[in-house]
Amino acid sequence: MGETHVVQGVVVQGVVVGFDEARGLGEVEGSDGRRLPFHCVQIGDGSRRIAVGAAVGYSVRAGLGGRWEASGIIRR
């Protein structure tokens, strides 16, 4: 199997595939099929909520524990 390379700071296009409003945690799936978690503070408009199915753009960054996560999420 090939290794997936993540480039920080590059805007990725994707879709929100899950969001738990009570916990403020969600997940996006990028155009490359990779799923990444995110916290509601990463939603760019400050709303702290986003609908499942929303088309978004986001950056990738190293989060706690060294796992990759979505950041700077903006609606498209």
C-alpha atoms as a PDB file:
ATOM      1  CA  MET A   1       0.000   0.000   0.000  1.00  0.00           C
ATOM      2  CA  GLY A   2       1.156   3.515  -0.761  1.00  0.00           C
ATOM      3  CA  GLU A   3       1.732   6.068   1.947  1.00  0.00           C
ATOM      4  CA  THR A   4      -0.600   9.078   2.000  1.00  0.00           C
ATOM      5  CA  HIS A   5       1.291  12.359   2.070  1.00  0.00           C
ATOM      6  CA  VAL A   6      -0.286  15.412   3.682  1.00  0.00           C
ATOM      7  CA  VAL A   7       0.868  18.892   2.765  1.00  0.00           C
ATOM      8  CA  GLN A   8       0.150  21.458   5.456  1.00  0.00           C
ATOM      9  CA  GLY A   9      -1.296  24.806   4.432  1.00  0.00           C
ATOM     10  CA  VAL A  10      -2.750  23.622   1.109  1.00  0.00           C
ATOM     11  CA  VAL A  11      -6.491  24.198   0.720  1.00  0.00           C
ATOM     12  CA  VAL A  12      -8.348  20.946   0.140  1.00  0.00           C
ATOM     13  CA  GLN A  13     -11.902  20.704  -1.218  1.00  0.00           C
ATOM     14  CA  GLY A  14     -14.270  18.376   0.582  1.00  0.00           C
ATOM     15  CA  VAL A  15     -17.615  17.689   2.244  1.00  0.00           C
ATOM     16  CA  VAL A  16     -18.657  17.551   5.896  1.00  0.00           C
ATOM     17  CA  VAL A  17     -19.587  13.886   6.511  1.00  0.00           C
ATOM     18  CA  GLY A  18     -20.357  14.112  10.209  1.00  0.00           C
ATOM     19  CA  PHE A  19     -20.907  16.702  12.913  1.00  0.00           C
ATOM     20  CA  ASP A  20     -21.850  16.242  16.586  1.00  0.00           C
ATOM     21  CA  GLU A  21     -23.089  19.665  17.680  1.00  0.00           C
ATOM     22  CA  ALA A  22     -23.163  18.736  21.388  1.00  0.00           C
ATOM     23  CA  ARG A  23     -19.468  17.793  21.347  1.00  0.00           C
ATOM     24  CA  GLY A  24     -18.403  20.305  18.697  1.00  0.00           C
ATOM     25  CA  LEU A  25     -16.618  17.584  16.739  1.00  0.00           C
ATOM     26  CA  GLY A  26     -16.935  16.766  13.072  1.00  0.00           C
ATOM     27  CA  GLU A  27     -15.350  14.997  10.158  1.00  0.00           C
ATOM     28  CA  VAL A  28     -14.672  16.057   6.574  1.00  0.00           C
ATOM     29  CA  GLU A  29     -13.919  13.918   3.554  1.00  0.00           C
ATOM     30  CA  GLY A  30     -11.573  15.445   1.034  1.00  0.00           C
ATOM     31  CA  SER A  31     -11.684  15.079  -2.719  1.00  0.00           C
ATOM     32  CA  ASP A  32      -8.912  12.497  -2.274  1.00  0.00           C
ATOM     33  CA  GLY A  33     -11.215  10.333  -0.097  1.00  0.00           C
ATOM     34  CA  ARG A  34      -9.269  10.952   3.096  1.00  0.00           C
ATOM     35  CA  ARG A  35     -11.364  11.664   6.205  1.00  0.00           C
ATOM     36  CA  LEU A  36     -10.114  14.086   8.817  1.00  0.00           C
ATOM     37  CA  PRO A  37     -11.588  15.187  12.150  1.00  0.00           C
ATOM     38  CA  PHE A  38     -12.115  18.819  13.130  1.00  0.00           C
ATOM     39  CA  HIS A  39     -13.257  20.840  16.139  1.00  0.00           C
ATOM     40  CA  CYS A  40     -15.953  23.515  15.811  1.00  0.00           C
ATOM     41  CA  VAL A  41     -13.478  26.323  16.589  1.00  0.00           C
ATOM     42  CA  GLN A  42     -11.923  25.594  13.171  1.00  0.00           C
ATOM     43  CA  ILE A  43     -15.078  26.741  11.317  1.00  0.00           C
ATOM     44  CA  GLY A  44     -13.990  30.015   9.738  1.00  0.00           C
ATOM     45  CA  ASP A  45     -17.177  32.062  10.100  1.00  0.00           C
ATOM     46  CA  GLY A  46     -17.263  31.659  13.893  1.00  0.00           C
ATOM     47  CA  SER A  47     -20.668  29.938  13.927  1.00  0.00           C
ATOM     48  CA  ARG A  48     -19.419  26.784  15.715  1.00  0.00           C
ATOM     49  CA  ARG A  49     -21.833  24.630  13.679  1.00  0.00           C
ATOM     50  CA  ILE A  50     -21.965  23.303  10.142  1.00  0.00           C
ATOM     51  CA  ALA A  51     -24.386  21.046   8.287  1.00  0.00           C
ATOM     52  CA  VAL A  52     -23.545  17.533   7.206  1.00  0.00           C
ATOM     53  CA  GLY A  53     -23.233  17.594   3.426  1.00  0.00           C
ATOM     54  CA  ALA A  54     -21.841  21.145   3.299  1.00  0.00           C
ATOM     55  CA  ALA A  55     -19.167  21.673   0.643  1.00  0.00           C
ATOM     56  CA  VAL A  56     -16.062  23.119   2.278  1.00  0.00           C
ATOM     57  CA  GLY A  57     -12.464  24.088   1.755  1.00  0.00           C
ATOM     58  CA  TYR A  58      -9.920  23.493   4.530  1.00  0.00           C
ATOM     59  CA  SER A  59      -6.268  23.215   5.405  1.00  0.00           C
ATOM     60  CA  VAL A  60      -4.582  20.255   7.060  1.00  0.00           C
ATOM     61  CA  ARG A  61      -2.503  20.530  10.227  1.00  0.00           C
ATOM     62  CA  ALA A  62      -0.980  18.265  12.815  1.00  0.00           C
ATOM     63  CA  GLY A  63      -3.224  18.068  15.858  1.00  0.00           C
ATOM     64  CA  LEU A  64      -2.886  16.683  19.339  1.00  0.00           C
ATOM     65  CA  GLY A  65      -1.244  13.308  19.514  1.00  0.00           C
ATOM     66  CA  GLY A  66       0.315  13.832  16.078  1.00  0.00           C
ATOM     67  CA  ARG A  67      -2.763  12.960  14.052  1.00  0.00           C
ATOM     68  CA  TRP A  68      -3.805  15.092  11.093  1.00  0.00           C
ATOM     69  CA  GLU A  69      -6.928  17.251  11.319  1.00  0.00           C
ATOM     70  CA  ALA A  70      -8.829  19.792   9.239  1.00  0.00           C
ATOM     71  CA  SER A  71      -8.486  23.478  10.121  1.00  0.00           C
ATOM     72  CA  GLY A  72      -9.587  26.830   8.722  1.00  0.00           C
ATOM     73  CA  ILE A  73     -12.835  25.346   7.402  1.00  0.00           C
ATOM     74  CA  ILE A  74     -14.758  27.606   5.032  1.00  0.00           C
ATOM     75  CA  ARG A  75     -18.077  26.917   3.317  1.00  0.00           C
ATOM     76  CA  ARG A  76     -17.973  26.797  -0.488  1.00  0.00           C
END
